[in-house]
């Protein structure tokens, strides 16, 4: 088989020769390097840089700025509102199965994760206490739960336990399970009525 290439392409290949390599050997080395890079997982960078410190900060602030650098030289940025990570969760498993899913197809070569320390935390519109839990509704309608002052990353199981203890039906008027906002709203209403 014979392949014809322009002289300028041949000259570019010649500049990449190591020792006494043939053009065929140069092309194969370049293909091997390309294929190896394609299968190499992206570099992960954490801020704070110590992974344990990073995880503690994530559990406290629940928001991460993500910068994904791609092989084409572009950078895609986003915000990751972390809800499903607990102290026992694998941070890296959450990253690979979540934000970096499909990294190879997207051409991601490096990802930088920076914890966002939000000084302007939204003020709750309504808050109630139940045991060690504080259940609050934000202006957006979102429900947040804190246990002894620490944010609970997954609130639905806590809301279900509280609703069950208070005897609140967990289904909406259509007979479907309530979503987090509905269930949280019913719990807040019940506890506020109980306090009066």
Protein backbone atom coordinates (compact mmCIF):
# COMPACT_ATOMS: atom_id res chain seq x y z
CA UNK A 1 0.00 0.00 0.00
CA UNK A 2 1.26 3.46 -0.80
CA UNK A 3 0.08 6.74 0.72
CA UNK A 4 0.89 10.07 -0.88
CA UNK A 5 1.37 13.14 1.29
CA UNK A 6 2.35 16.71 0.56
CA UNK A 7 6.00 17.64 0.86
CA UNK A 8 5.16 20.12 3.66
CA UNK A 9 3.55 17.27 5.67
CA UNK A 10 6.60 15.06 5.03
CA UNK A 11 8.87 17.87 6.28
CA UNK A 12 6.77 18.22 9.45
CA UNK A 13 7.11 14.46 10.03
CA UNK A 14 10.86 14.66 9.37
CA UNK A 15 11.18 17.24 12.16
CA UNK A 16 9.69 14.68 14.58
CA UNK A 17 12.12 11.85 13.73
CA UNK A 18 14.07 10.39 16.65
CA UNK A 19 17.34 8.79 15.63
CA UNK A 20 17.00 6.67 12.49
CA UNK A 21 13.20 6.24 12.52
CA UNK A 22 11.43 5.63 9.25
CA UNK A 23 8.39 7.75 8.33
CA UNK A 24 6.25 4.69 9.17
CA UNK A 25 7.82 4.45 12.66
CA UNK A 26 7.25 8.18 13.30
CA UNK A 27 3.59 7.92 12.29
CA UNK A 28 3.08 4.85 14.53
CA UNK A 29 4.75 6.59 17.50
CA UNK A 30 2.49 9.63 17.05
CA UNK A 31 -0.61 7.42 16.79
CA UNK A 32 0.44 5.52 19.94
CA UNK A 33 0.95 8.79 21.84
CA UNK A 34 -2.45 10.06 20.68
CA UNK A 35 -4.24 6.86 21.70
CA UNK A 36 -2.52 6.83 25.09
CA UNK A 37 -3.57 10.43 25.76
CA UNK A 38 -7.15 9.63 24.76
CA UNK A 39 -7.40 6.93 27.44
CA UNK A 40 -5.68 8.90 30.20
CA UNK A 41 -8.12 10.16 32.80
CA UNK A 42 -8.23 13.93 33.33
CA UNK A 43 -6.07 15.47 36.03
CA UNK A 44 -8.15 16.49 39.07
CA UNK A 45 -7.18 19.62 41.01
CA UNK A 46 -8.87 20.50 44.32
CA UNK A 47 -9.02 23.86 46.12
CA UNK A 48 -8.29 23.52 49.02
CA UNK A 49 -5.57 21.24 47.65
CA UNK A 50 -5.63 18.60 50.40
CA UNK A 51 -8.42 16.18 49.41
CA UNK A 52 -9.61 15.66 53.02
CA UNK A 53 -9.76 19.43 53.61
CA UNK A 54 -11.59 19.82 50.31
CA UNK A 55 -14.20 17.23 51.29
CA UNK A 56 -14.76 18.89 54.69
CA UNK A 57 -15.24 22.25 52.95
CA UNK A 58 -17.69 20.66 50.48
CA UNK A 59 -19.74 19.22 53.34
CA UNK A 60 -19.86 22.66 54.95
CA UNK A 61 -20.57 24.83 51.89
CA UNK A 62 -22.21 22.40 49.38
CA UNK A 63 -21.20 24.42 46.32
CA UNK A 64 -18.24 23.91 43.99
CA UNK A 65 -17.01 25.96 41.05
CA UNK A 66 -15.92 23.54 38.31
CA UNK A 67 -13.52 24.41 35.47
CA UNK A 68 -13.15 21.70 32.81
CA UNK A 69 -10.20 22.19 30.46
CA UNK A 70 -10.59 20.43 27.12
CA UNK A 71 -8.12 19.05 24.61
CA UNK A 72 -9.20 21.69 22.07
CA UNK A 73 -7.94 24.44 24.42
CA UNK A 74 -11.36 25.59 25.63
CA UNK A 75 -12.53 25.76 29.23
CA UNK A 76 -16.09 25.02 30.31
CA UNK A 77 -17.18 26.40 33.69
CA UNK A 78 -20.07 25.48 35.90
CA UNK A 79 -21.34 25.30 39.45
CA UNK A 80 -21.92 21.97 41.15
CA UNK A 81 -24.52 22.14 43.94
CA UNK A 82 -23.42 19.13 45.94
CA UNK A 83 -26.24 17.34 47.70
CA UNK A 84 -25.41 13.63 47.74
CA UNK A 85 -22.00 13.64 49.42
CA UNK A 86 -21.71 12.60 53.05
CA UNK A 87 -18.69 11.97 55.26
CA UNK A 88 -18.66 8.32 54.18
CA UNK A 89 -19.10 9.02 50.44
CA UNK A 90 -16.29 8.60 47.96
CA UNK A 91 -15.63 12.08 46.62
CA UNK A 92 -13.83 10.83 43.52
CA UNK A 93 -16.57 8.30 42.71
CA UNK A 94 -19.13 11.12 42.84
CA UNK A 95 -16.98 13.25 40.54
CA UNK A 96 -16.40 10.49 37.95
CA UNK A 97 -20.01 9.30 37.92
CA UNK A 98 -21.43 12.81 38.07
CA UNK A 99 -19.74 15.93 36.78
CA UNK A 100 -17.08 14.12 34.71
CA UNK A 101 -19.34 11.43 33.24
CA UNK A 102 -18.47 11.14 29.55
CA UNK A 103 -15.13 12.95 29.99
CA UNK A 104 -13.52 11.11 27.08
CA UNK A 105 -16.24 12.09 24.60
CA UNK A 106 -16.17 15.67 25.88
CA UNK A 107 -12.37 15.83 25.52
CA UNK A 108 -11.78 16.87 29.15
CA UNK A 109 -8.08 16.70 30.10
CA UNK A 110 -8.08 18.60 33.40
CA UNK A 111 -10.75 19.57 35.94
CA UNK A 112 -10.37 22.11 38.73
CA UNK A 113 -12.82 21.96 41.66
CA UNK A 114 -12.94 25.00 43.97
CA UNK A 115 -15.20 25.17 47.03
CA UNK A 116 -17.36 28.29 46.95
CA UNK A 117 -17.60 29.84 50.39
CA UNK A 118 -20.84 31.76 50.02
CA UNK A 119 -20.86 34.62 52.47
CA UNK A 120 -24.35 35.64 51.40
CA UNK A 121 -26.14 32.47 52.48
CA UNK A 122 -29.85 32.84 51.74
CA UNK A 123 -31.98 33.62 54.77
CA UNK A 124 -34.81 31.20 55.47
CA UNK A 125 -38.36 32.51 55.05
CA UNK A 126 -39.65 30.03 57.64
CA UNK A 127 -37.86 27.75 60.08
CA UNK A 128 -39.01 25.17 62.60
CA UNK A 129 -37.17 22.91 65.05
CA UNK A 130 -37.81 19.22 65.52
CA UNK A 131 -35.41 17.54 67.91
CA UNK A 132 -31.87 18.22 66.71
CA UNK A 133 -33.15 19.23 63.26
CA UNK A 134 -33.93 22.69 61.91
CA UNK A 135 -36.14 22.59 58.82
CA UNK A 136 -36.25 25.78 56.75
CA UNK A 137 -37.90 27.04 53.57
CA UNK A 138 -35.87 29.51 51.50
CA UNK A 139 -37.35 32.31 49.41
CA UNK A 140 -36.86 30.11 46.33
CA UNK A 141 -39.10 27.46 47.92
CA UNK A 142 -36.19 25.08 48.49
CA UNK A 143 -36.18 23.13 51.74
CA UNK A 144 -32.97 22.85 53.74
CA UNK A 145 -32.38 20.76 56.85
CA UNK A 146 -29.66 21.24 59.44
CA UNK A 147 -28.71 18.83 62.21
CA UNK A 148 -27.15 20.61 65.18
CA UNK A 149 -26.17 23.50 62.87
CA UNK A 150 -24.64 21.33 60.10
CA UNK A 151 -26.29 21.09 56.68
CA UNK A 152 -27.86 17.70 55.92
CA UNK A 153 -26.84 16.88 52.31
CA UNK A 154 -29.83 14.62 51.53
CA UNK A 155 -32.97 15.98 53.19
CA UNK A 156 -35.77 13.72 51.92
CA UNK A 157 -35.08 10.78 54.31
CA UNK A 158 -35.10 13.18 57.28
CA UNK A 159 -38.33 14.78 56.09
CA UNK A 160 -39.95 11.34 55.73
CA UNK A 161 -38.99 10.39 59.31
CA UNK A 162 -40.33 13.69 60.67
CA UNK A 163 -43.56 13.40 58.65
CA UNK A 164 -44.07 9.85 59.89
CA UNK A 165 -43.50 10.92 63.52
CA UNK A 166 -45.96 13.80 63.11
CA UNK A 167 -48.56 11.64 61.34
CA UNK A 168 -48.39 13.68 58.11
CA UNK A 169 -49.60 11.91 54.96
CA UNK A 170 -46.62 11.79 52.57
CA UNK A 171 -48.78 11.64 49.44
CA UNK A 172 -50.17 14.66 47.60
CA UNK A 173 -53.82 15.12 46.59
CA UNK A 174 -53.24 12.96 43.49
CA UNK A 175 -52.01 10.07 45.62
CA UNK A 176 -48.41 10.48 44.47
CA UNK A 177 -45.47 10.85 46.90
CA UNK A 178 -44.83 14.48 47.77
CA UNK A 179 -41.65 16.09 46.49
CA UNK A 180 -39.17 17.65 48.91
CA UNK A 181 -40.72 21.13 48.74
CA UNK A 182 -44.25 19.84 49.31
CA UNK A 183 -43.29 17.56 52.19
CA UNK A 184 -41.07 20.20 53.80
CA UNK A 185 -43.87 22.76 53.48
CA UNK A 186 -46.38 20.41 55.16
CA UNK A 187 -43.96 19.71 58.01
CA UNK A 188 -43.23 23.42 58.54
CA UNK A 189 -46.97 24.19 58.54
CA UNK A 190 -47.71 21.37 61.02
CA UNK A 191 -44.91 22.35 63.41
CA UNK A 192 -45.82 26.06 63.26
CA UNK A 193 -49.47 25.23 64.00
CA UNK A 194 -48.36 22.97 66.86
CA UNK A 195 -46.23 25.80 68.33
CA UNK A 196 -49.16 28.25 68.41
